[in-house]
């Protein structure tokens, strides 16, 4: 990342959404901030629910020239006219997914705190690699993606990197010089005012 560029916001949906309300919430957030990409990250495996959510949120995102990707569901991504897919199995299926979706699709992957998996994913054709969680959380096995990992990555590797998971303003300020994107999701959706919470977090971005 260059010394003069601020990180960008990579917006992650909540695991559960109410389709009668959430598209309007998303629109308000996209209108209030410069968002690089939206990730549809629903917990459900129900194809109908995923498809209806993807259709609604794609319309909101594309109306604002914002790309939208979906967690894991490669075939749905293509069928529903989304911009790509976010994988959660580190480097394992990047090459296969890239071949399936083609060079124009966005293919990113979550690599926990493993620089080795991140490098393998980049070599396999990933457009970005996500590391996390970066803050304390009871999710996962408790392993954190530390500042040293982002610092090393930003110096040695050209593949863009996303910092995500239990973000707060102090973590953002610490990692900003070494990351390209902050994956922000539950941090704002848990708030009564997602737009205000996003602005608070964004105020901690530094070059």
N, C-alpha and C. Protein backbone atom coordinates (compact mmCIF):
# COMPACT_ATOMS: atom_id res chain seq x y z
N UNK A 1 0.84 -1.19 0.00
CA UNK A 1 0.00 0.00 0.00
C UNK A 1 0.88 1.25 0.00
N UNK A 2 0.48 2.26 -0.78
CA UNK A 2 1.32 3.46 -0.84
C UNK A 2 1.20 4.26 0.45
N UNK A 3 2.18 5.11 0.68
CA UNK A 3 2.22 5.87 1.92
C UNK A 3 1.10 6.91 2.01
N UNK A 4 0.52 7.27 0.84
CA UNK A 4 -0.44 8.36 0.83
C UNK A 4 -1.89 7.88 0.73
N UNK A 5 -2.11 6.61 0.55
CA UNK A 5 -3.46 6.10 0.36
C UNK A 5 -4.06 5.61 1.68
N UNK A 6 -5.28 6.04 1.92
CA UNK A 6 -6.02 5.48 3.06
C UNK A 6 -6.55 4.11 2.68
N UNK A 7 -6.73 3.22 3.65
CA UNK A 7 -7.41 1.96 3.37
C UNK A 7 -8.83 2.24 2.89
N UNK A 8 -9.44 1.25 2.26
CA UNK A 8 -10.82 1.37 1.81
C UNK A 8 -11.73 0.49 2.67
N UNK A 9 -13.02 0.77 2.59
CA UNK A 9 -14.00 0.01 3.36
C UNK A 9 -14.53 -1.15 2.52
N UNK A 10 -14.46 -2.33 3.08
CA UNK A 10 -15.02 -3.55 2.49
C UNK A 10 -16.16 -3.94 3.43
N UNK A 11 -17.39 -3.75 2.98
CA UNK A 11 -18.56 -3.88 3.85
C UNK A 11 -19.10 -5.31 3.84
N UNK A 12 -19.32 -5.87 5.02
CA UNK A 12 -19.79 -7.25 5.16
C UNK A 12 -21.20 -7.23 5.76
N UNK A 13 -22.13 -7.94 5.14
CA UNK A 13 -23.49 -7.96 5.66
C UNK A 13 -23.55 -8.76 6.96
N UNK A 14 -24.60 -8.55 7.76
CA UNK A 14 -24.81 -9.41 8.93
C UNK A 14 -25.12 -10.84 8.47
N UNK A 15 -24.99 -11.84 9.36
CA UNK A 15 -25.32 -13.21 8.99
C UNK A 15 -26.83 -13.44 8.79
N UNK A 16 -27.63 -12.59 9.41
CA UNK A 16 -29.09 -12.65 9.22
C UNK A 16 -29.57 -11.26 8.83
N UNK A 17 -30.43 -11.18 7.81
CA UNK A 17 -30.99 -9.88 7.43
C UNK A 17 -32.50 -10.01 7.25
N UNK A 18 -33.18 -8.89 7.45
CA UNK A 18 -34.62 -8.81 7.20
C UNK A 18 -34.78 -8.10 5.86
N UNK A 19 -35.26 -8.84 4.84
CA UNK A 19 -35.28 -8.29 3.49
C UNK A 19 -36.22 -7.10 3.34
N UNK A 20 -37.15 -6.94 4.25
CA UNK A 20 -38.04 -5.78 4.17
C UNK A 20 -37.34 -4.51 4.62
N UNK A 21 -36.23 -4.65 5.36
CA UNK A 21 -35.55 -3.47 5.91
C UNK A 21 -34.10 -3.30 5.46
N UNK A 22 -33.39 -4.41 5.34
CA UNK A 22 -31.94 -4.30 5.18
C UNK A 22 -31.49 -3.61 3.89
N UNK A 23 -32.14 -3.83 2.75
CA UNK A 23 -31.70 -3.10 1.55
C UNK A 23 -31.67 -1.58 1.75
N UNK A 24 -32.66 -1.04 2.49
CA UNK A 24 -32.67 0.40 2.76
C UNK A 24 -31.52 0.79 3.68
N UNK A 25 -31.24 -0.06 4.67
CA UNK A 25 -30.09 0.20 5.57
C UNK A 25 -28.79 0.21 4.77
N UNK A 26 -28.65 -0.78 3.90
CA UNK A 26 -27.45 -0.86 3.07
C UNK A 26 -27.32 0.37 2.19
N UNK A 27 -28.42 0.78 1.58
CA UNK A 27 -28.40 1.96 0.71
C UNK A 27 -27.94 3.20 1.49
N UNK A 28 -28.43 3.35 2.71
CA UNK A 28 -28.04 4.51 3.53
C UNK A 28 -26.55 4.50 3.82
N UNK A 29 -26.00 3.31 4.12
CA UNK A 29 -24.57 3.22 4.40
C UNK A 29 -23.75 3.49 3.14
N UNK A 30 -24.18 2.93 2.00
CA UNK A 30 -23.44 3.14 0.75
C UNK A 30 -23.48 4.61 0.32
N UNK A 31 -24.60 5.28 0.64
CA UNK A 31 -24.72 6.70 0.28
C UNK A 31 -23.89 7.60 1.20
N UNK A 32 -23.57 7.09 2.40
CA UNK A 32 -22.89 7.93 3.40
C UNK A 32 -21.38 7.79 3.37
N UNK A 33 -20.87 6.73 2.73
CA UNK A 33 -19.43 6.48 2.76
C UNK A 33 -18.98 5.89 1.43
N UNK A 34 -17.69 5.99 1.18
CA UNK A 34 -17.11 5.43 -0.03
C UNK A 34 -16.77 3.96 0.23
N UNK A 35 -17.59 3.06 -0.32
CA UNK A 35 -17.44 1.63 -0.07
C UNK A 35 -16.83 0.97 -1.31
N UNK A 36 -15.80 0.16 -1.12
CA UNK A 36 -15.13 -0.49 -2.25
C UNK A 36 -15.88 -1.72 -2.73
N UNK A 37 -16.46 -2.46 -1.78
CA UNK A 37 -17.08 -3.74 -2.12
C UNK A 37 -18.02 -4.15 -1.00
N UNK A 38 -19.07 -4.90 -1.35
CA UNK A 38 -19.99 -5.46 -0.36
C UNK A 38 -19.89 -6.99 -0.43
N UNK A 39 -19.82 -7.62 0.74
CA UNK A 39 -19.82 -9.09 0.80
C UNK A 39 -21.13 -9.56 1.40
N UNK A 40 -21.87 -10.36 0.63
CA UNK A 40 -23.09 -10.99 1.14
C UNK A 40 -22.67 -12.22 1.93
N UNK A 41 -22.80 -12.14 3.25
CA UNK A 41 -22.24 -13.16 4.13
C UNK A 41 -23.31 -13.74 5.04
N UNK A 42 -24.38 -14.23 4.44
CA UNK A 42 -25.48 -14.78 5.23
C UNK A 42 -25.14 -16.17 5.75
N UNK A 43 -25.67 -16.50 6.92
CA UNK A 43 -25.41 -17.80 7.52
C UNK A 43 -26.23 -18.90 6.87
N UNK A 44 -27.37 -18.54 6.28
CA UNK A 44 -28.27 -19.54 5.72
C UNK A 44 -27.65 -20.27 4.52
N UNK A 45 -28.04 -21.53 4.35
CA UNK A 45 -27.65 -22.29 3.16
C UNK A 45 -28.87 -22.48 2.23
N UNK A 46 -29.96 -21.82 2.56
CA UNK A 46 -31.18 -21.93 1.78
C UNK A 46 -31.02 -21.15 0.47
N UNK A 47 -31.09 -21.88 -0.64
CA UNK A 47 -30.81 -21.25 -1.94
C UNK A 47 -31.79 -20.15 -2.28
N UNK A 48 -33.06 -20.35 -1.96
CA UNK A 48 -34.07 -19.35 -2.27
C UNK A 48 -33.82 -18.07 -1.48
N UNK A 49 -33.54 -18.20 -0.19
CA UNK A 49 -33.28 -17.02 0.64
C UNK A 49 -32.02 -16.29 0.16
N UNK A 50 -30.99 -17.06 -0.14
CA UNK A 50 -29.75 -16.45 -0.65
C UNK A 50 -30.00 -15.72 -1.96
N UNK A 51 -30.77 -16.33 -2.83
CA UNK A 51 -31.02 -15.74 -4.15
C UNK A 51 -31.82 -14.45 -4.03
N UNK A 52 -32.84 -14.47 -3.17
CA UNK A 52 -33.65 -13.26 -3.00
C UNK A 52 -32.83 -12.13 -2.37
N UNK A 53 -32.01 -12.49 -1.40
CA UNK A 53 -31.15 -11.48 -0.78
C UNK A 53 -30.14 -10.93 -1.79
N UNK A 54 -29.54 -11.82 -2.56
CA UNK A 54 -28.54 -11.39 -3.54
C UNK A 54 -29.17 -10.46 -4.58
N UNK A 55 -30.37 -10.80 -5.05
CA UNK A 55 -31.04 -9.95 -6.05
C UNK A 55 -31.28 -8.55 -5.49
N UNK A 56 -31.77 -8.49 -4.26
CA UNK A 56 -32.10 -7.20 -3.66
C UNK A 56 -30.85 -6.36 -3.41
N UNK A 57 -29.81 -6.99 -2.86
CA UNK A 57 -28.61 -6.23 -2.50
C UNK A 57 -27.76 -5.90 -3.73
N UNK A 58 -27.80 -6.77 -4.73
CA UNK A 58 -27.08 -6.45 -5.98
C UNK A 58 -27.65 -5.17 -6.61
N UNK A 59 -28.97 -5.07 -6.58
CA UNK A 59 -29.62 -3.89 -7.14
C UNK A 59 -29.15 -2.62 -6.42
N UNK A 60 -29.10 -2.67 -5.10
CA UNK A 60 -28.66 -1.52 -4.30
C UNK A 60 -27.20 -1.19 -4.59
N UNK A 61 -26.35 -2.21 -4.59
CA UNK A 61 -24.91 -1.99 -4.78
C UNK A 61 -24.59 -1.50 -6.19
N UNK A 62 -25.13 -2.19 -7.19
CA UNK A 62 -24.80 -1.84 -8.58
C UNK A 62 -25.35 -0.47 -8.97
N UNK A 63 -26.45 -0.06 -8.35
CA UNK A 63 -26.98 1.29 -8.62
C UNK A 63 -25.99 2.36 -8.19
N UNK A 64 -25.08 1.99 -7.29
CA UNK A 64 -24.08 2.93 -6.78
C UNK A 64 -22.67 2.57 -7.25
N UNK A 65 -22.59 1.72 -8.27
CA UNK A 65 -21.30 1.28 -8.83
C UNK A 65 -20.39 0.64 -7.79
N UNK A 66 -21.00 -0.11 -6.87
CA UNK A 66 -20.24 -0.85 -5.87
C UNK A 66 -20.31 -2.34 -6.20
N UNK A 67 -19.17 -3.00 -6.20
CA UNK A 67 -19.12 -4.44 -6.48
C UNK A 67 -19.71 -5.22 -5.31
N UNK A 68 -20.29 -6.39 -5.60
CA UNK A 68 -20.83 -7.25 -4.55
C UNK A 68 -20.41 -8.69 -4.80
N UNK A 69 -19.89 -9.32 -3.75
CA UNK A 69 -19.48 -10.72 -3.82
C UNK A 69 -20.27 -11.50 -2.79
N UNK A 70 -20.27 -12.83 -2.93
CA UNK A 70 -21.01 -13.68 -2.01
C UNK A 70 -20.06 -14.66 -1.34
N UNK A 71 -20.33 -14.96 -0.09
CA UNK A 71 -19.54 -15.97 0.63
C UNK A 71 -19.73 -17.35 -0.01
N UNK A 72 -18.67 -17.96 -0.47
CA UNK A 72 -18.57 -19.39 -0.77
C UNK A 72 -19.34 -19.91 -1.96
N UNK A 73 -20.51 -19.37 -2.27
CA UNK A 73 -21.40 -20.00 -3.26
C UNK A 73 -21.01 -19.59 -4.68
N UNK A 74 -20.06 -20.31 -5.23
CA UNK A 74 -19.47 -19.96 -6.53
C UNK A 74 -20.52 -19.97 -7.64
N UNK A 75 -21.31 -21.02 -7.68
CA UNK A 75 -22.29 -21.14 -8.76
C UNK A 75 -23.37 -20.07 -8.65
N UNK A 76 -23.81 -19.77 -7.43
CA UNK A 76 -24.81 -18.71 -7.24
C UNK A 76 -24.24 -17.37 -7.68
N UNK A 77 -22.98 -17.13 -7.39
CA UNK A 77 -22.35 -15.86 -7.77
C UNK A 77 -22.51 -15.61 -9.26
N UNK A 78 -22.23 -16.64 -10.04
CA UNK A 78 -22.32 -16.50 -11.49
C UNK A 78 -23.77 -16.36 -11.94
N UNK A 79 -24.63 -17.21 -11.40
CA UNK A 79 -26.01 -17.24 -11.85
C UNK A 79 -26.77 -15.96 -11.50
N UNK A 80 -26.41 -15.33 -10.38
CA UNK A 80 -27.15 -14.16 -9.91
C UNK A 80 -26.53 -12.84 -10.35
N UNK A 81 -25.52 -12.91 -11.18
CA UNK A 81 -24.92 -11.68 -11.71
C UNK A 81 -24.13 -10.88 -10.70
N UNK A 82 -23.56 -11.59 -9.71
CA UNK A 82 -22.71 -10.91 -8.74
C UNK A 82 -21.30 -10.77 -9.31
N UNK A 83 -20.48 -10.02 -8.61
CA UNK A 83 -19.16 -9.69 -9.15
C UNK A 83 -18.08 -10.70 -8.79
N UNK A 84 -18.42 -11.65 -7.92
CA UNK A 84 -17.42 -12.64 -7.55
C UNK A 84 -17.78 -13.36 -6.27
N UNK A 85 -16.77 -13.96 -5.66
CA UNK A 85 -17.00 -14.82 -4.51
C UNK A 85 -15.90 -14.62 -3.47
N UNK A 86 -16.31 -14.74 -2.21
CA UNK A 86 -15.35 -14.71 -1.10
C UNK A 86 -15.27 -16.12 -0.54
N UNK A 87 -14.10 -16.73 -0.63
CA UNK A 87 -13.90 -18.10 -0.16
C UNK A 87 -13.47 -18.09 1.31
N UNK A 88 -13.71 -19.18 1.99
CA UNK A 88 -13.37 -19.24 3.42
C UNK A 88 -12.43 -20.41 3.72
N UNK A 89 -11.89 -21.04 2.68
CA UNK A 89 -11.01 -22.20 2.90
C UNK A 89 -9.57 -21.90 2.50
N UNK A 90 -9.16 -20.65 2.76
CA UNK A 90 -7.78 -20.22 2.49
C UNK A 90 -7.45 -20.44 1.02
N UNK A 91 -6.34 -21.13 0.73
CA UNK A 91 -5.88 -21.25 -0.66
C UNK A 91 -6.49 -22.43 -1.40
N UNK A 92 -7.24 -23.27 -0.70
CA UNK A 92 -7.59 -24.58 -1.26
C UNK A 92 -8.38 -24.54 -2.56
N UNK A 93 -9.35 -23.64 -2.67
CA UNK A 93 -10.18 -23.68 -3.88
C UNK A 93 -10.04 -22.44 -4.75
N UNK A 94 -9.00 -21.65 -4.52
CA UNK A 94 -8.82 -20.42 -5.30
C UNK A 94 -8.62 -20.72 -6.78
N UNK A 95 -7.69 -21.62 -7.11
CA UNK A 95 -7.38 -21.90 -8.51
C UNK A 95 -8.60 -22.45 -9.26
N UNK A 96 -9.31 -23.37 -8.61
CA UNK A 96 -10.51 -23.96 -9.23
C UNK A 96 -11.59 -22.90 -9.45
N UNK A 97 -11.77 -22.03 -8.45
CA UNK A 97 -12.78 -20.98 -8.55
C UNK A 97 -12.41 -19.97 -9.63
N UNK A 98 -11.15 -19.61 -9.69
CA UNK A 98 -10.69 -18.68 -10.72
C UNK A 98 -10.96 -19.24 -12.11
N UNK A 99 -10.68 -20.52 -12.29
CA UNK A 99 -10.92 -21.16 -13.59
C UNK A 99 -12.41 -21.16 -13.92
N UNK A 100 -13.24 -21.41 -12.91
CA UNK A 100 -14.68 -21.49 -13.12
C UNK A 100 -15.30 -20.13 -13.42
N UNK A 101 -14.87 -19.09 -12.72
CA UNK A 101 -15.49 -17.77 -12.85
C UNK A 101 -14.81 -16.86 -13.88
N UNK A 102 -13.57 -17.20 -14.25
CA UNK A 102 -12.87 -16.39 -15.24
C UNK A 102 -12.06 -15.27 -14.61
N UNK A 103 -11.31 -14.60 -15.45
CA UNK A 103 -10.37 -13.58 -14.97
C UNK A 103 -11.03 -12.29 -14.50
N UNK A 104 -12.25 -12.03 -14.98
CA UNK A 104 -12.89 -10.75 -14.63
C UNK A 104 -13.59 -10.77 -13.28
N UNK A 105 -13.86 -11.96 -12.76
CA UNK A 105 -14.56 -12.06 -11.47
C UNK A 105 -13.62 -11.73 -10.32
N UNK A 106 -14.21 -11.23 -9.23
CA UNK A 106 -13.44 -11.03 -8.00
C UNK A 106 -13.40 -12.35 -7.24
N UNK A 107 -12.20 -12.80 -6.92
CA UNK A 107 -12.03 -14.01 -6.11
C UNK A 107 -11.12 -13.64 -4.94
N UNK A 108 -11.69 -13.65 -3.74
CA UNK A 108 -10.90 -13.38 -2.54
C UNK A 108 -11.05 -14.53 -1.57
N UNK A 109 -10.20 -14.56 -0.56
CA UNK A 109 -10.29 -15.68 0.38
C UNK A 109 -9.80 -15.29 1.76
N UNK A 110 -10.38 -15.95 2.75
CA UNK A 110 -10.01 -15.72 4.15
C UNK A 110 -8.94 -16.72 4.55
N UNK A 111 -7.84 -16.22 5.10
CA UNK A 111 -6.69 -17.08 5.42
C UNK A 111 -6.34 -17.04 6.90
N UNK A 112 -7.29 -16.67 7.75
CA UNK A 112 -7.08 -16.64 9.19
C UNK A 112 -5.84 -15.78 9.51
N UNK A 113 -4.82 -16.38 10.10
CA UNK A 113 -3.61 -15.61 10.41
C UNK A 113 -2.38 -16.26 9.77
N UNK A 114 -2.60 -16.95 8.64
CA UNK A 114 -1.52 -17.71 8.01
C UNK A 114 -0.92 -16.99 6.80
N UNK A 115 0.28 -16.50 6.93
CA UNK A 115 0.95 -15.85 5.80
C UNK A 115 1.20 -16.87 4.69
N UNK A 116 1.48 -18.13 5.07
CA UNK A 116 1.73 -19.17 4.06
C UNK A 116 0.49 -19.40 3.20
N UNK A 117 -0.68 -19.53 3.86
CA UNK A 117 -1.92 -19.70 3.10
C UNK A 117 -2.20 -18.48 2.23
N UNK A 118 -1.92 -17.30 2.78
CA UNK A 118 -2.13 -16.08 2.02
C UNK A 118 -1.28 -16.03 0.76
N UNK A 119 -0.01 -16.38 0.90
CA UNK A 119 0.88 -16.39 -0.27
C UNK A 119 0.42 -17.43 -1.30
N UNK A 120 0.01 -18.60 -0.82
CA UNK A 120 -0.47 -19.65 -1.73
C UNK A 120 -1.72 -19.18 -2.47
N UNK A 121 -2.61 -18.49 -1.75
CA UNK A 121 -3.83 -17.98 -2.37
C UNK A 121 -3.50 -16.95 -3.45
N UNK A 122 -2.57 -16.06 -3.14
CA UNK A 122 -2.15 -15.06 -4.12
C UNK A 122 -1.56 -15.70 -5.37
N UNK A 123 -0.73 -16.71 -5.17
CA UNK A 123 -0.11 -17.41 -6.30
C UNK A 123 -1.14 -18.18 -7.12
N UNK A 124 -2.26 -18.54 -6.48
CA UNK A 124 -3.31 -19.29 -7.18
C UNK A 124 -4.30 -18.39 -7.89
N UNK A 125 -4.15 -17.06 -7.72
CA UNK A 125 -4.99 -16.14 -8.47
C UNK A 125 -5.98 -15.34 -7.65
N UNK A 126 -5.84 -15.31 -6.33
CA UNK A 126 -6.75 -14.51 -5.52
C UNK A 126 -6.53 -13.02 -5.76
N UNK A 127 -7.63 -12.27 -5.82
CA UNK A 127 -7.54 -10.81 -5.99
C UNK A 127 -7.21 -10.12 -4.67
N UNK A 128 -7.58 -10.75 -3.57
CA UNK A 128 -7.24 -10.22 -2.25
C UNK A 128 -7.20 -11.38 -1.27
N UNK A 129 -6.55 -11.13 -0.15
CA UNK A 129 -6.49 -12.08 0.95
C UNK A 129 -6.98 -11.37 2.20
N UNK A 130 -7.83 -12.04 2.98
CA UNK A 130 -8.32 -11.47 4.24
C UNK A 130 -7.70 -12.21 5.41
N UNK A 131 -7.22 -11.44 6.39
CA UNK A 131 -6.70 -12.02 7.63
C UNK A 131 -7.55 -11.54 8.80
N UNK A 132 -7.72 -12.41 9.78
CA UNK A 132 -8.47 -12.04 10.97
C UNK A 132 -8.74 -13.27 11.83
N UNK A 133 -9.38 -13.08 12.97
CA UNK A 133 -9.81 -11.77 13.49
C UNK A 133 -8.63 -10.96 13.99
N UNK A 134 -8.80 -9.65 13.96
CA UNK A 134 -7.73 -8.76 14.41
C UNK A 134 -7.97 -8.26 15.84
N UNK A 135 -9.18 -8.48 16.35
CA UNK A 135 -9.50 -8.10 17.72
C UNK A 135 -9.97 -9.31 18.51
N UNK A 136 -10.06 -9.16 19.82
CA UNK A 136 -10.45 -10.26 20.69
C UNK A 136 -11.89 -10.69 20.44
N UNK A 137 -12.09 -11.97 20.24
CA UNK A 137 -13.41 -12.52 19.99
C UNK A 137 -13.43 -13.97 20.45
N UNK A 138 -14.60 -14.44 20.80
CA UNK A 138 -14.75 -15.85 21.20
C UNK A 138 -14.92 -16.77 20.00
N UNK A 139 -15.02 -16.18 18.79
CA UNK A 139 -15.20 -16.99 17.59
C UNK A 139 -13.87 -17.61 17.19
N UNK A 140 -13.95 -18.76 16.49
CA UNK A 140 -12.73 -19.41 16.03
C UNK A 140 -11.93 -20.00 17.18
N UNK A 141 -10.63 -20.17 16.96
CA UNK A 141 -9.80 -20.83 17.98
C UNK A 141 -9.02 -19.84 18.84
N UNK A 142 -9.33 -18.56 18.69
CA UNK A 142 -8.66 -17.55 19.51
C UNK A 142 -7.39 -16.99 18.92
N UNK A 143 -6.96 -17.54 17.77
CA UNK A 143 -5.76 -17.02 17.12
C UNK A 143 -6.06 -15.67 16.48
N UNK A 144 -5.24 -14.68 16.77
CA UNK A 144 -5.41 -13.35 16.19
C UNK A 144 -4.44 -13.13 15.03
N UNK A 145 -4.90 -12.35 14.05
CA UNK A 145 -4.00 -11.87 13.01
C UNK A 145 -3.36 -10.59 13.55
N UNK A 146 -2.08 -10.67 13.87
CA UNK A 146 -1.40 -9.57 14.57
C UNK A 146 -0.88 -8.51 13.60
N UNK A 147 -0.53 -7.37 14.16
CA UNK A 147 0.00 -6.26 13.37
C UNK A 147 1.23 -6.68 12.56
N UNK A 148 2.10 -7.53 13.15
CA UNK A 148 3.31 -7.96 12.45
C UNK A 148 3.01 -8.62 11.11
N UNK A 149 1.91 -9.39 11.06
CA UNK A 149 1.53 -10.06 9.82
C UNK A 149 1.21 -9.04 8.73
N UNK A 150 0.42 -8.04 9.08
CA UNK A 150 0.04 -7.02 8.10
C UNK A 150 1.24 -6.17 7.69
N UNK A 151 2.09 -5.88 8.65
CA UNK A 151 3.29 -5.09 8.36
C UNK A 151 4.19 -5.83 7.38
N UNK A 152 4.41 -7.12 7.65
CA UNK A 152 5.23 -7.94 6.76
C UNK A 152 4.59 -8.04 5.37
N UNK A 153 3.28 -8.31 5.36
CA UNK A 153 2.56 -8.49 4.09
C UNK A 153 2.66 -7.23 3.23
N UNK A 154 2.44 -6.09 3.85
CA UNK A 154 2.43 -4.82 3.08
C UNK A 154 3.80 -4.50 2.50
N UNK A 155 4.85 -5.01 3.14
CA UNK A 155 6.21 -4.78 2.66
C UNK A 155 6.61 -5.77 1.57
N UNK A 156 6.16 -7.03 1.72
CA UNK A 156 6.68 -8.11 0.88
C UNK A 156 5.75 -8.55 -0.25
N UNK A 157 4.44 -8.38 -0.09
CA UNK A 157 3.46 -9.00 -1.00
C UNK A 157 2.61 -7.91 -1.66
N UNK A 158 2.35 -8.07 -2.95
CA UNK A 158 1.57 -7.07 -3.68
C UNK A 158 0.07 -7.34 -3.66
N UNK A 159 -0.33 -8.56 -3.33
CA UNK A 159 -1.77 -8.88 -3.31
C UNK A 159 -2.44 -8.05 -2.22
N UNK A 160 -3.54 -7.35 -2.55
CA UNK A 160 -4.23 -6.54 -1.54
C UNK A 160 -4.68 -7.37 -0.35
N UNK A 161 -4.69 -6.73 0.83
CA UNK A 161 -5.01 -7.44 2.06
C UNK A 161 -6.16 -6.75 2.80
N UNK A 162 -7.04 -7.58 3.37
CA UNK A 162 -8.19 -7.12 4.15
C UNK A 162 -7.96 -7.50 5.61
N UNK A 163 -8.17 -6.54 6.51
CA UNK A 163 -8.15 -6.82 7.96
C UNK A 163 -9.59 -6.86 8.43
N UNK A 164 -9.98 -7.95 9.11
CA UNK A 164 -11.37 -8.05 9.54
C UNK A 164 -11.49 -8.82 10.84
N UNK A 165 -12.65 -8.64 11.50
CA UNK A 165 -12.95 -9.40 12.72
C UNK A 165 -12.67 -8.65 13.99
N UNK A 166 -13.74 -8.20 14.66
CA UNK A 166 -13.66 -7.52 15.96
C UNK A 166 -12.83 -6.24 15.90
N UNK A 167 -13.10 -5.44 14.89
CA UNK A 167 -12.41 -4.16 14.73
C UNK A 167 -12.94 -3.12 15.72
N UNK A 168 -12.04 -2.23 16.15
CA UNK A 168 -12.44 -1.03 16.86
C UNK A 168 -11.51 0.10 16.40
N UNK A 169 -11.73 1.30 16.91
CA UNK A 169 -10.96 2.44 16.40
C UNK A 169 -9.47 2.31 16.69
N UNK A 170 -9.11 1.73 17.84
CA UNK A 170 -7.68 1.63 18.16
C UNK A 170 -6.98 0.61 17.27
N UNK A 171 -7.66 -0.50 16.98
CA UNK A 171 -7.08 -1.50 16.07
C UNK A 171 -6.96 -0.94 14.67
N UNK A 172 -7.99 -0.23 14.23
CA UNK A 172 -7.97 0.38 12.90
C UNK A 172 -6.81 1.35 12.77
N UNK A 173 -6.64 2.21 13.77
CA UNK A 173 -5.53 3.18 13.73
C UNK A 173 -4.17 2.47 13.66
N UNK A 174 -4.06 1.35 14.38
CA UNK A 174 -2.81 0.61 14.43
C UNK A 174 -2.50 -0.09 13.09
N UNK A 175 -3.54 -0.62 12.44
CA UNK A 175 -3.34 -1.42 11.23
C UNK A 175 -3.44 -0.60 9.94
N UNK A 176 -3.99 0.59 10.01
CA UNK A 176 -4.23 1.37 8.79
C UNK A 176 -3.02 1.51 7.87
N UNK A 177 -1.81 1.76 8.39
CA UNK A 177 -0.69 1.92 7.47
C UNK A 177 -0.31 0.65 6.72
N UNK A 178 -0.87 -0.50 7.13
CA UNK A 178 -0.40 -1.78 6.59
C UNK A 178 -1.49 -2.60 5.92
N UNK A 179 -2.69 -2.05 5.77
CA UNK A 179 -3.76 -2.82 5.15
C UNK A 179 -4.42 -2.02 4.03
N UNK A 180 -4.97 -2.73 3.06
CA UNK A 180 -5.63 -2.06 1.93
C UNK A 180 -7.12 -1.86 2.18
N UNK A 181 -7.71 -2.79 2.93
CA UNK A 181 -9.14 -2.73 3.21
C UNK A 181 -9.40 -3.13 4.66
N UNK A 182 -10.46 -2.54 5.23
CA UNK A 182 -10.99 -3.02 6.50
C UNK A 182 -12.34 -3.66 6.22
N UNK A 183 -12.47 -4.94 6.61
CA UNK A 183 -13.73 -5.66 6.46
C UNK A 183 -14.64 -5.35 7.63
N UNK A 184 -15.57 -4.45 7.42
CA UNK A 184 -16.42 -3.96 8.50
C UNK A 184 -17.83 -4.52 8.33
N UNK A 185 -18.35 -5.16 9.38
CA UNK A 185 -19.68 -5.75 9.30
C UNK A 185 -20.44 -5.60 10.58
N UNK A 186 -20.38 -6.65 11.42
CA UNK A 186 -21.13 -6.63 12.68
C UNK A 186 -20.80 -5.40 13.54
N UNK A 187 -19.60 -4.87 13.37
CA UNK A 187 -19.20 -3.69 14.15
C UNK A 187 -20.20 -2.54 13.99
N UNK A 188 -20.78 -2.42 12.77
CA UNK A 188 -21.76 -1.34 12.56
C UNK A 188 -23.20 -1.83 12.64
N UNK A 189 -23.44 -3.05 12.20
CA UNK A 189 -24.84 -3.52 12.15
C UNK A 189 -25.41 -3.75 13.53
N UNK A 190 -24.56 -3.98 14.53
CA UNK A 190 -25.04 -4.12 15.91
C UNK A 190 -25.47 -2.78 16.50
N UNK A 191 -25.05 -1.71 15.86
CA UNK A 191 -25.33 -0.36 16.37
C UNK A 191 -26.75 0.09 15.99
N UNK A 192 -27.32 0.98 16.79
CA UNK A 192 -28.62 1.55 16.45
C UNK A 192 -28.53 2.46 15.24
N UNK A 193 -27.32 2.98 14.98
CA UNK A 193 -27.12 3.90 13.86
C UNK A 193 -25.87 3.46 13.09
N UNK A 194 -26.05 2.52 12.13
CA UNK A 194 -24.89 1.99 11.40
C UNK A 194 -24.07 3.07 10.69
N UNK A 195 -24.74 4.09 10.16
CA UNK A 195 -24.02 5.14 9.44
C UNK A 195 -23.09 5.90 10.40
N UNK A 196 -23.61 6.27 11.56
CA UNK A 196 -22.79 6.99 12.54
C UNK A 196 -21.63 6.12 13.03
N UNK A 197 -21.90 4.84 13.25
CA UNK A 197 -20.84 3.93 13.72
C UNK A 197 -19.77 3.77 12.66
N UNK A 198 -20.16 3.67 11.39
CA UNK A 198 -19.18 3.55 10.32
C UNK A 198 -18.32 4.81 10.23
N UNK A 199 -18.95 5.96 10.40
CA UNK A 199 -18.18 7.22 10.36
C UNK A 199 -17.19 7.28 11.52
N UNK A 200 -17.59 6.77 12.67
CA UNK A 200 -16.69 6.74 13.83
C UNK A 200 -15.47 5.85 13.53
N UNK A 201 -15.71 4.67 12.99
CA UNK A 201 -14.61 3.78 12.65
C UNK A 201 -13.74 4.37 11.53
N UNK A 202 -14.40 4.97 10.55
CA UNK A 202 -13.66 5.54 9.42
C UNK A 202 -12.76 6.69 9.85
N UNK A 203 -13.14 7.37 10.92
CA UNK A 203 -12.33 8.49 11.39
C UNK A 203 -10.97 8.04 11.89
N UNK A 204 -10.83 6.74 12.17
CA UNK A 204 -9.56 6.20 12.66
C UNK A 204 -8.62 5.76 11.54
N UNK A 205 -9.12 5.78 10.28
CA UNK A 205 -8.26 5.41 9.15
C UNK A 205 -7.13 6.43 9.02
N UNK A 206 -5.91 5.93 8.89
CA UNK A 206 -4.78 6.82 8.65
C UNK A 206 -3.93 6.28 7.51
N UNK A 207 -3.22 7.16 6.86
CA UNK A 207 -2.38 6.72 5.74
C UNK A 207 -1.07 6.17 6.26
